[in-house]
Amino acid sequence: MKKLKLFHSLKFRLFLLVAFVGIAPNIVLRMGVLASYESRAVSNRSIDVLSQAKVLGSQVVTYNYIADTSSEVINAQLKQLSNVYDGRVLLVNPGFQIVQDTYGLDTGKTIISEEVVRSFQGEEITKYDSKNRYIELAIPLKSADAEENQGVMLVSVSTDSIMMNYDFLRDNAHVIEIASGVVVLLAAFFCAKLLVRPFGKMTKSLEEIQAEDVDERLMVSDYTETEAMSNAFNQMLGRMRAIDDSRQEFVANVSHELKTPLTSMKVLADSLLSQEDVPAELYKEFMGDITEEIERENTIINDLLSLVKMDRSAGTLNISVVNINELLEMIMKRLRPIAEKQSIELVLESFRPVSAEVDEVKLSLALNNLVENAIKYNKKDGWVHVTLNADHKYFFVRVEDSGIGIPEESLEHIYERFFRVDKSHSREIKGTGLGLAITRNAILMHRGAIKAHSKEGEGTIFTVRIPLAYVG
């Protein structure tokens, strides 16, 4: 497993990349230089031999050597050409018979080959046989005023000396290549180690933050990428700590909210138990208070259950086409008796018929909370106006009241669980501080949005926007 991890590590891949970039050009350069040397050396040798052979060929024609091979001058020059270039010269007459062979092996024999035939037709031929390491030339022997060739000169030249130099260069190139390869591998190792060092620093810092649980920010700014990763981690860590703080605060708030009614009930019960011959009126009063505390406890538990259900079923809405006008009318009818007790005028204004794809139960709960809050946090003889409108894409519900309003510094906290704007009236108004949290969750589940505008002492406006067609 450790070996597999090594092969998948960034350090190993950087090592391979740097090594490849360093070594591959050396290999390509060596092959290119050697191939170029061989081609160039063979070309130069061919040009030299061809020029010498042409000079000798003109003298062979001048002395009519093909017809009479007794000329010592030509024989000496043929031998010299053969010795200088470590080669062999054959002279062929028009009857394809070899009249002179500097090796003395094939004189008098007949030779018919493609090169000889093409040369008798006036073509000069140069061919290199890399496998057998020799250069072969075929040169027609023809005077300037003659129409036919007197013969053909075949010259074979060994390239052993060229290949000896080639082998020497190749061996030296290999030595240089191995030495440079070692240097490149060492450089690749240290370079890969240096390049991944910032990631090691990040890992160490993360381990320290995790082990010590310190409130530190991760910042490794060696590269733009590590800096971006550090910033992303810091943002995620901030959100996680905020969530953790919110969870702890939520647990503390739940404990406090559930404990308060229990404490009140215990005090009332203890008061009854500590007295003898308790009057029936006092007994009824205390029992009525205990009943109210039980009702308050029940309300808190129900709201908590609603909140938990929404968190768990964030992706399981029971979507159906709902008439929003009728839904609001039903909510207003349900809440009108509560409004009448406080002399609150409750008005619904619909600008057009609206039908939308929503979860009727969850949306009804959200809108009910908004209207009910507008009634509860209102002034005597106040009013609550609810308006419904829509465009081609969304429908809008606006809940406006003439109530006590929300302080500006509290607006950003109103959707937090158990948050109370006016804690001094919490007992009187009988709220749990969960209504707006439930409302916001339900609206967000519908891919909608909610906004609040308020001025303390003058009233509050909640605006809800929800798509007409649900997009899951």
Protein backbone atom coordinates (compact mmCIF):
# COMPACT_ATOMS: atom_id res chain seq x y z
CA MET A 1 0.00 0.00 0.00
CA LYS A 2 2.88 2.35 0.82
CA LYS A 3 4.35 1.68 -2.64
CA LEU A 4 0.99 2.43 -4.28
CA LYS A 5 0.72 5.65 -2.26
CA LEU A 6 4.22 6.61 -3.40
CA PHE A 7 3.24 6.18 -7.06
CA HIS A 8 0.14 8.33 -6.54
CA SER A 9 1.97 11.08 -4.67
CA LEU A 10 2.47 14.52 -6.19
CA LYS A 11 6.17 14.43 -5.28
CA PHE A 12 6.70 11.24 -7.31
CA ARG A 13 4.84 12.63 -10.31
CA LEU A 14 6.76 15.89 -10.18
CA PHE A 15 9.98 13.86 -9.96
CA LEU A 16 9.00 11.89 -13.08
CA LEU A 17 8.01 15.06 -14.92
CA VAL A 18 11.23 16.94 -14.15
CA ALA A 19 13.33 13.83 -14.90
CA PHE A 20 11.57 13.33 -18.23
CA VAL A 21 11.97 16.98 -19.19
CA GLY A 22 15.66 16.80 -18.31
CA ILE A 23 16.56 13.40 -19.80
CA ALA A 24 14.37 13.19 -22.92
CA PRO A 25 16.05 16.15 -24.69
CA ASN A 26 19.48 14.54 -24.08
CA ILE A 27 18.34 11.30 -25.71
CA VAL A 28 16.78 13.12 -28.66
CA LEU A 29 19.89 15.31 -29.03
CA ARG A 30 22.23 12.29 -28.97
CA MET A 31 20.21 10.43 -31.58
CA GLY A 32 19.91 13.52 -33.73
CA VAL A 33 23.63 14.37 -33.56
CA LEU A 34 24.72 10.80 -34.34
CA ALA A 35 22.27 10.46 -37.21
CA SER A 36 23.34 13.83 -38.56
CA TYR A 37 27.03 12.93 -38.25
CA GLU A 38 26.60 9.64 -40.13
CA SER A 39 24.56 11.25 -42.90
CA ARG A 40 26.92 14.19 -43.22
CA ALA A 41 30.10 12.06 -43.17
CA VAL A 42 28.72 9.63 -45.81
CA SER A 43 27.61 12.54 -47.99
CA ASN A 44 31.04 14.20 -47.80
CA ARG A 45 32.83 10.90 -48.51
CA SER A 46 30.52 10.27 -51.50
CA ILE A 47 31.19 13.75 -52.92
CA ASP A 48 34.97 13.33 -52.52
CA VAL A 49 35.04 9.89 -54.09
CA LEU A 50 32.75 10.97 -56.93
CA SER A 51 34.92 13.96 -57.80
CA GLN A 52 38.09 11.81 -57.78
CA ALA A 53 36.38 9.09 -59.79
CA LYS A 54 35.22 11.58 -62.42
CA VAL A 55 38.75 12.91 -62.84
CA LEU A 56 40.08 9.37 -63.17
CA GLY A 57 37.21 8.46 -65.50
CA SER A 58 38.08 11.28 -67.91
CA GLN A 59 41.68 10.01 -68.05
CA VAL A 60 40.44 6.45 -68.68
CA VAL A 61 38.48 7.79 -71.66
CA THR A 62 41.43 9.86 -72.86
CA TYR A 63 43.82 6.91 -72.77
CA ASN A 64 41.13 4.58 -74.22
CA TYR A 65 41.91 2.35 -71.26
CA ILE A 66 38.79 0.19 -71.73
CA ALA A 67 40.20 -1.10 -75.01
CA ASP A 68 43.83 -1.33 -73.79
CA THR A 69 44.49 -1.80 -70.05
CA SER A 70 48.26 -1.70 -70.35
CA SER A 71 48.65 1.98 -69.37
CA GLU A 72 50.81 2.11 -66.23
CA VAL A 73 49.63 5.64 -65.47
CA ILE A 74 45.99 4.64 -65.28
CA ASN A 75 46.79 1.45 -63.39
CA ALA A 76 48.71 3.44 -60.80
CA GLN A 77 45.90 5.96 -60.38
CA LEU A 78 43.31 3.18 -60.06
CA LYS A 79 45.40 1.54 -57.37
CA GLN A 80 45.95 4.86 -55.58
CA LEU A 81 42.20 5.64 -55.56
CA SER A 82 41.49 2.19 -54.18
CA ASN A 83 44.09 2.52 -51.43
CA VAL A 84 43.24 6.08 -50.39
CA TYR A 85 39.55 5.38 -49.88
CA ASP A 86 39.94 1.72 -48.84
CA GLY A 87 37.81 0.68 -51.78
CA ARG A 88 37.60 -1.27 -55.01
CA VAL A 89 37.36 -0.11 -58.62
CA LEU A 90 35.89 -2.09 -61.50
CA LEU A 91 35.99 -1.03 -65.18
CA VAL A 92 33.29 -2.56 -67.39
CA ASN A 93 33.30 -2.48 -71.23
CA PRO A 94 30.16 -2.14 -73.39
CA GLY A 95 29.91 -5.94 -73.50
CA PHE A 96 29.38 -5.96 -69.69
CA GLN A 97 32.77 -7.60 -69.25
CA ILE A 98 35.03 -6.51 -66.37
CA VAL A 99 38.31 -5.36 -67.95
CA GLN A 100 39.98 -4.20 -64.73
CA ASP A 101 39.50 -5.05 -61.04
CA THR A 102 41.79 -3.41 -58.51
CA TYR A 103 41.32 -6.49 -56.28
CA GLY A 104 42.27 -8.75 -59.24
CA LEU A 105 39.43 -11.15 -58.49
CA ASP A 106 36.78 -10.64 -61.18
CA THR A 107 38.78 -9.50 -64.22
CA GLY A 108 37.35 -11.05 -67.39
CA LYS A 109 34.02 -11.88 -65.76
CA THR A 110 30.68 -10.55 -66.94
CA ILE A 111 28.60 -8.27 -64.71
CA ILE A 112 25.02 -7.32 -65.45
CA SER A 113 23.32 -5.30 -62.72
CA GLU A 114 20.74 -2.54 -62.53
CA GLU A 115 23.39 0.04 -61.66
CA VAL A 116 25.58 -0.94 -64.66
CA VAL A 117 22.67 -0.90 -67.09
CA ARG A 118 21.44 2.51 -65.85
CA SER A 119 24.98 3.88 -66.00
CA PHE A 120 25.39 2.73 -69.64
CA GLN A 121 22.26 4.82 -70.27
CA GLY A 122 24.17 7.88 -69.05
CA GLU A 123 23.06 8.04 -65.39
CA GLU A 124 25.42 8.63 -62.47
CA ILE A 125 24.46 6.50 -59.46
CA THR A 126 25.45 6.94 -55.82
CA LYS A 127 24.16 4.41 -53.26
CA TYR A 128 24.92 3.91 -49.58
CA ASP A 129 24.50 0.49 -47.99
CA SER A 130 24.34 1.21 -44.24
CA LYS A 131 24.00 -2.47 -43.35
CA ASN A 132 27.21 -3.56 -45.09
CA ARG A 133 28.87 -0.16 -44.57
CA TYR A 134 30.00 0.81 -48.05
CA ILE A 135 29.32 3.47 -50.69
CA GLU A 136 28.82 2.34 -54.27
CA LEU A 137 29.13 4.63 -57.30
CA ALA A 138 28.47 3.90 -60.97
CA ILE A 139 29.95 6.45 -63.42
CA PRO A 140 29.52 6.32 -67.20
CA LEU A 141 32.78 6.68 -69.15
CA LYS A 142 32.01 8.95 -72.06
CA SER A 143 33.97 11.65 -73.90
CA ALA A 144 32.37 15.01 -74.61
CA ASP A 145 32.04 14.41 -78.38
CA ALA A 146 31.17 10.70 -78.23
CA GLU A 147 27.58 9.50 -78.51
CA GLU A 148 28.06 6.14 -76.81
CA ASN A 149 29.74 5.19 -73.51
CA GLN A 150 33.12 3.53 -73.66
CA GLY A 151 32.31 1.75 -70.45
CA VAL A 152 31.31 2.11 -66.82
CA MET A 153 33.41 2.67 -63.71
CA LEU A 154 32.12 0.96 -60.55
CA VAL A 155 33.62 2.26 -57.31
CA SER A 156 32.96 0.66 -53.90
CA VAL A 157 34.28 2.56 -50.89
CA SER A 158 34.29 1.28 -47.31
CA THR A 159 32.78 3.46 -44.55
CA ASP A 160 34.51 1.62 -41.70
CA SER A 161 36.51 4.70 -40.75
CA ILE A 162 33.31 6.74 -40.61
CA MET A 163 31.64 4.13 -38.44
CA MET A 164 34.66 3.98 -36.15
CA ASN A 165 34.29 7.71 -35.56
CA TYR A 166 30.53 7.18 -35.19
CA ASP A 167 31.05 4.50 -32.51
CA PHE A 168 33.52 6.74 -30.69
CA LEU A 169 31.06 9.65 -30.68
CA ARG A 170 28.25 7.32 -29.59
CA ASP A 171 30.24 5.96 -26.65
CA ASN A 172 31.19 9.47 -25.52
CA ALA A 173 27.57 10.59 -25.94
CA HIS A 174 26.41 7.71 -23.74
CA VAL A 175 28.88 8.65 -21.02
CA ILE A 176 27.78 12.28 -21.15
CA GLU A 177 24.14 11.19 -21.24
CA ILE A 178 24.51 8.96 -18.16
CA ALA A 179 26.37 11.68 -16.26
CA SER A 180 23.78 14.31 -17.17
CA GLY A 181 21.01 11.82 -16.34
CA VAL A 182 22.35 11.36 -12.82
CA VAL A 183 22.54 15.14 -12.40
CA VAL A 184 18.99 15.51 -13.75
CA LEU A 185 17.64 12.80 -11.41
CA LEU A 186 19.24 14.48 -8.39
CA ALA A 187 17.90 17.85 -9.53
CA ALA A 188 14.45 16.29 -10.11
CA PHE A 189 14.43 14.78 -6.61
CA PHE A 190 15.35 18.03 -4.87
CA CYS A 191 13.08 20.06 -7.14
CA ALA A 192 10.08 17.77 -6.45
CA LYS A 193 10.84 17.89 -2.73
CA LEU A 194 11.05 21.67 -2.81
CA LEU A 195 7.85 22.07 -4.86
CA VAL A 196 5.69 19.95 -2.54
CA ARG A 197 7.10 21.45 0.68
CA PRO A 198 4.25 24.03 0.96
CA PHE A 199 1.71 21.17 0.90
CA GLY A 200 3.60 19.52 3.75
CA LYS A 201 3.41 22.79 5.66
CA MET A 202 -0.33 22.88 5.04
CA THR A 203 -0.74 19.30 6.30
CA LYS A 204 1.28 20.03 9.44
CA SER A 205 -0.70 23.19 10.15
CA LEU A 206 -3.99 21.33 9.65
CA GLU A 207 -2.87 18.58 12.03
CA GLU A 208 -1.90 21.18 14.65
CA ILE A 209 -5.23 22.98 14.30
CA GLN A 210 -7.08 19.66 14.59
CA ALA A 211 -5.01 18.36 17.54
CA GLU A 212 -4.94 21.56 19.60
CA ASP A 213 -8.31 22.95 18.43
CA VAL A 214 -6.82 26.43 18.37
CA ASP A 215 -8.47 29.44 16.85
CA GLU A 216 -5.80 29.99 14.21
CA ARG A 217 -6.01 30.76 10.52
CA LEU A 218 -4.24 28.61 7.98
CA MET A 219 -2.08 30.67 5.64
CA VAL A 220 0.47 29.07 3.30
CA SER A 221 1.16 31.71 0.66
CA ASP A 222 4.12 30.04 -1.10
CA TYR A 223 2.00 29.55 -4.24
CA THR A 224 -1.15 31.18 -5.51
CA GLU A 225 -2.82 27.75 -5.32
CA THR A 226 -1.82 27.12 -1.68
CA GLU A 227 -2.98 30.62 -0.78
CA ALA A 228 -6.36 29.97 -2.44
CA MET A 229 -6.62 26.60 -0.65
CA SER A 230 -5.76 28.28 2.67
CA ASN A 231 -8.44 30.93 2.15
CA ALA A 232 -11.02 28.28 1.20
CA PHE A 233 -10.12 26.22 4.29
CA ASN A 234 -10.34 29.28 6.54
CA GLN A 235 -13.79 30.09 5.16
CA MET A 236 -14.92 26.49 5.66
CA LEU A 237 -13.44 26.42 9.18
CA GLY A 238 -15.20 29.68 9.98
CA ARG A 239 -18.52 28.28 8.78
CA MET A 240 -17.99 25.05 10.73
CA ARG A 241 -17.18 26.97 13.91
CA ALA A 242 -20.18 29.19 13.36
CA ILE A 243 -22.35 26.10 12.90
CA ASP A 244 -20.85 24.56 16.04
CA ASP A 245 -21.44 27.75 18.02
CA SER A 246 -24.98 27.91 16.65
CA ARG A 247 -25.56 24.27 17.62
CA GLN A 248 -24.28 24.86 21.13
CA GLU A 249 -26.38 28.00 21.43
CA PHE A 250 -29.39 26.12 20.08
CA VAL A 251 -28.96 23.33 22.65
CA ALA A 252 -28.56 25.90 25.42
CA ASN A 253 -31.65 27.77 24.24
CA VAL A 254 -33.70 24.58 24.00
CA SER A 255 -32.60 23.57 27.47
CA HIS A 256 -33.49 27.01 28.83
CA GLU A 257 -36.84 27.22 27.05
CA LEU A 258 -37.89 23.74 28.17
CA LYS A 259 -36.57 24.18 31.69
CA THR A 260 -38.36 27.50 32.35
CA PRO A 261 -41.95 26.11 32.19
CA LEU A 262 -40.89 23.08 34.25
CA THR A 263 -39.37 25.35 36.89
CA SER A 264 -42.54 27.44 37.00
CA MET A 265 -44.70 24.32 37.37
CA LYS A 266 -42.46 22.99 40.15
CA VAL A 267 -42.64 26.31 42.05
CA LEU A 268 -46.45 26.38 41.74
CA ALA A 269 -46.78 22.73 42.76
CA ASP A 270 -44.42 23.18 45.73
CA SER A 271 -46.43 26.21 46.85
CA LEU A 272 -49.62 24.13 46.85
CA LEU A 273 -47.97 21.25 48.66
CA SER A 274 -46.39 23.46 51.34
CA GLN A 275 -49.74 24.96 52.37
CA GLU A 276 -52.53 23.31 54.35
CA ASP A 277 -56.18 23.86 53.68
CA VAL A 278 -55.52 25.64 50.36
CA PRO A 279 -58.59 27.64 49.27
CA ALA A 280 -60.29 26.31 46.16
CA GLU A 281 -59.88 29.66 44.39
CA LEU A 282 -56.09 29.65 44.92
CA TYR A 283 -55.93 25.97 43.95
CA LYS A 284 -57.77 26.72 40.68
CA GLU A 285 -55.54 29.73 39.98
CA PHE A 286 -52.35 27.72 40.48
CA MET A 287 -53.66 24.81 38.42
CA GLY A 288 -54.61 27.25 35.67
CA ASP A 289 -51.05 28.61 35.71
CA ILE A 290 -49.65 25.07 35.57
CA THR A 291 -51.92 24.31 32.60
CA GLU A 292 -50.61 27.40 30.78
CA GLU A 293 -47.02 26.31 31.41
CA ILE A 294 -47.80 22.81 30.11
CA GLU A 295 -49.40 24.37 27.01
CA ARG A 296 -46.30 26.52 26.52
CA GLU A 297 -44.07 23.45 26.87
CA ASN A 298 -46.22 21.60 24.34
CA THR A 299 -46.02 24.52 21.89
CA ILE A 300 -42.22 24.61 22.12
CA ILE A 301 -41.97 20.85 21.56
CA ASN A 302 -44.32 20.97 18.56
CA ASP A 303 -42.37 23.83 16.99
CA LEU A 304 -39.11 21.94 17.54
CA LEU A 305 -40.59 18.85 15.91
CA SER A 306 -41.75 20.94 12.92
CA LEU A 307 -38.24 22.37 12.58
CA VAL A 308 -36.60 18.93 12.76
CA LYS A 309 -39.03 17.50 10.21
CA MET A 310 -38.23 20.31 7.79
CA ASP A 311 -34.48 19.77 8.21
CA ARG A 312 -34.87 16.05 7.53
CA SER A 313 -37.25 16.40 4.59
CA ALA A 314 -35.41 19.19 2.78
CA GLY A 315 -35.59 17.25 -0.46
CA THR A 316 -38.98 15.54 -0.01
CA LEU A 317 -41.65 18.14 -0.68
CA ASN A 318 -45.13 16.93 -1.54
CA ILE A 319 -45.56 19.17 -4.56
CA SER A 320 -48.99 19.80 -6.06
CA VAL A 321 -50.72 22.62 -7.90
CA VAL A 322 -52.27 24.86 -5.21
CA ASN A 323 -54.57 27.86 -5.54
CA ILE A 324 -52.63 30.45 -3.52
CA ASN A 325 -55.64 32.82 -3.30
CA GLU A 326 -57.73 30.15 -1.57
CA LEU A 327 -54.81 29.16 0.67
CA LEU A 328 -54.42 32.74 1.94
CA GLU A 329 -58.16 33.14 2.41
CA MET A 330 -58.18 29.98 4.56
CA ILE A 331 -55.27 31.30 6.66
CA MET A 332 -56.98 34.67 7.12
CA LYS A 333 -60.24 32.95 8.15
CA ARG A 334 -58.37 30.85 10.69
CA LEU A 335 -56.57 33.84 12.24
CA ARG A 336 -59.40 36.40 12.11
CA PRO A 337 -60.78 35.48 15.59
CA ILE A 338 -57.32 36.08 17.12
CA ALA A 339 -57.12 39.46 15.33
CA GLU A 340 -60.59 40.47 16.51
CA LYS A 341 -59.62 39.83 20.16
CA GLN A 342 -56.92 42.50 19.80
CA SER A 343 -59.07 44.76 17.59
CA ILE A 344 -56.70 44.20 14.65
CA GLU A 345 -58.03 44.86 11.16
CA LEU A 346 -57.09 41.92 8.91
CA VAL A 347 -57.21 42.62 5.14
CA LEU A 348 -56.33 40.37 2.16
CA GLU A 349 -55.84 41.92 -1.27
CA SER A 350 -55.29 39.71 -4.34
CA PHE A 351 -54.31 41.35 -7.63
CA ARG A 352 -54.83 38.26 -9.80
CA PRO A 353 -55.60 34.54 -9.54
CA VAL A 354 -52.43 32.61 -8.68
CA SER A 355 -51.78 28.87 -8.87
CA ALA A 356 -48.33 27.42 -8.12
CA GLU A 357 -46.52 24.12 -7.63
CA VAL A 358 -45.89 24.03 -3.85
CA ASP A 359 -46.10 21.84 -0.75
CA GLU A 360 -49.42 23.07 0.62
CA VAL A 361 -48.80 22.02 4.25
CA LYS A 362 -45.33 23.58 4.57
CA LEU A 363 -46.22 26.77 2.70
CA SER A 364 -49.42 27.15 4.77
CA LEU A 365 -47.34 26.83 7.95
CA ALA A 366 -44.88 29.49 6.75
CA LEU A 367 -47.51 32.04 5.70
CA ASN A 368 -49.57 31.33 8.80
CA ASN A 369 -46.55 32.16 10.99
CA LEU A 370 -46.00 35.48 9.19
CA VAL A 371 -49.61 36.63 9.53
CA GLU A 372 -49.88 35.35 13.12
CA ASN A 373 -46.68 37.22 14.10
CA ALA A 374 -48.06 40.37 12.47
CA ILE A 375 -51.14 40.05 14.70
CA LYS A 376 -49.31 39.12 17.91
CA TYR A 377 -46.66 41.86 17.68
CA ASN A 378 -49.15 44.57 16.72
CA LYS A 379 -50.71 47.47 18.61
CA LYS A 380 -54.30 47.67 19.80
CA ASP A 381 -56.62 48.86 17.02
CA GLY A 382 -53.85 48.21 14.52
CA TRP A 383 -54.00 46.58 11.09
CA VAL A 384 -52.44 43.78 9.04
CA HIS A 385 -52.50 43.95 5.25
CA VAL A 386 -51.70 40.84 3.19
CA THR A 387 -51.28 41.23 -0.58
CA LEU A 388 -50.83 38.61 -3.31
CA ASN A 389 -49.38 39.29 -6.74
CA ALA A 390 -47.50 37.40 -9.45
CA ASP A 391 -45.55 37.77 -12.66
CA HIS A 392 -44.67 35.18 -15.31
CA LYS A 393 -42.18 33.40 -13.05
CA TYR A 394 -42.88 34.10 -9.36
CA PHE A 395 -45.71 34.87 -6.98
CA PHE A 396 -45.26 37.41 -4.18
CA VAL A 397 -46.89 37.57 -0.75
CA ARG A 398 -46.48 40.78 1.25
CA VAL A 399 -47.42 40.88 4.95
CA GLU A 400 -47.44 44.43 6.36
CA ASP A 401 -48.45 45.46 9.88
CA SER A 402 -48.68 48.55 12.08
CA GLY A 403 -47.01 46.81 15.01
CA ILE A 404 -44.11 47.45 17.37
CA GLY A 405 -41.50 46.97 14.67
CA ILE A 406 -38.04 45.40 14.85
CA PRO A 407 -34.87 47.29 15.83
CA GLU A 408 -32.40 47.59 12.95
CA GLU A 409 -29.66 45.72 14.84
CA SER A 410 -32.03 42.75 15.34
CA LEU A 411 -33.14 42.32 11.71
CA GLU A 412 -30.22 40.05 10.78
CA HIS A 413 -30.99 37.72 13.71
CA ILE A 414 -34.76 37.29 13.41
CA TYR A 415 -34.47 33.92 11.59
CA GLU A 416 -32.26 32.41 14.29
CA ARG A 417 -33.85 29.76 16.44
CA PHE A 418 -35.20 31.01 19.80
CA PHE A 419 -34.28 34.61 18.97
CA ARG A 420 -36.68 37.12 20.57
CA VAL A 421 -36.76 40.77 19.56
CA ASP A 422 -38.55 41.90 22.75
CA LYS A 423 -37.66 39.46 25.53
CA SER A 424 -39.51 41.55 28.12
CA HIS A 425 -42.84 40.72 26.39
CA SER A 426 -42.04 37.10 25.60
CA ARG A 427 -44.22 35.78 28.41
CA GLU A 428 -47.06 38.07 27.49
CA ILE A 429 -47.01 37.33 23.75
CA LYS A 430 -46.37 33.60 24.26
CA GLY A 431 -43.93 32.96 21.42
CA THR A 432 -41.28 30.26 21.16
CA GLY A 433 -38.83 32.12 18.95
CA LEU A 434 -39.01 29.34 16.34
CA GLY A 435 -41.75 30.65 14.04
CA LEU A 436 -39.55 32.66 11.65
CA ALA A 437 -36.93 29.91 11.55
CA ILE A 438 -39.65 27.47 10.45
CA THR A 439 -41.00 30.01 7.93
CA ARG A 440 -37.59 30.65 6.37
CA ASN A 441 -36.82 26.92 6.09
CA ALA A 442 -40.13 26.25 4.34
CA ILE A 443 -39.63 29.10 1.85
CA LEU A 444 -36.03 28.09 1.08
CA MET A 445 -37.19 24.52 0.46
CA HIS A 446 -39.41 25.96 -2.31
CA ARG A 447 -36.36 27.74 -3.82
CA GLY A 448 -37.89 31.01 -2.68
CA ALA A 449 -36.70 34.06 -0.75
CA ILE A 450 -37.90 36.13 2.17
CA LYS A 451 -37.01 39.71 3.09
CA ALA A 452 -37.90 41.87 6.07
CA HIS A 453 -38.10 45.68 6.32
CA SER A 454 -38.98 47.29 9.62
CA LYS A 455 -38.85 50.49 11.60
CA GLU A 456 -39.14 50.32 15.37
CA GLY A 457 -42.49 51.61 16.60
CA GLU A 458 -43.98 51.92 13.10
CA GLY A 459 -44.39 48.36 11.82
CA THR A 460 -42.85 45.57 9.75
CA ILE A 461 -43.10 44.36 6.16
CA PHE A 462 -42.25 40.76 5.15
CA THR A 463 -41.98 40.01 1.41
CA VAL A 464 -42.01 36.41 0.19
CA ARG A 465 -41.06 35.38 -3.38
CA ILE A 466 -41.65 31.79 -4.55
CA PRO A 467 -41.41 30.31 -8.09
CA LEU A 468 -44.70 29.38 -9.74
CA ALA A 469 -43.12 26.17 -11.08
CA TYR A 470 -41.10 24.10 -8.61
CA VAL A 471 -37.62 23.15 -9.74
CA GLY A 472 -36.18 20.28 -7.69
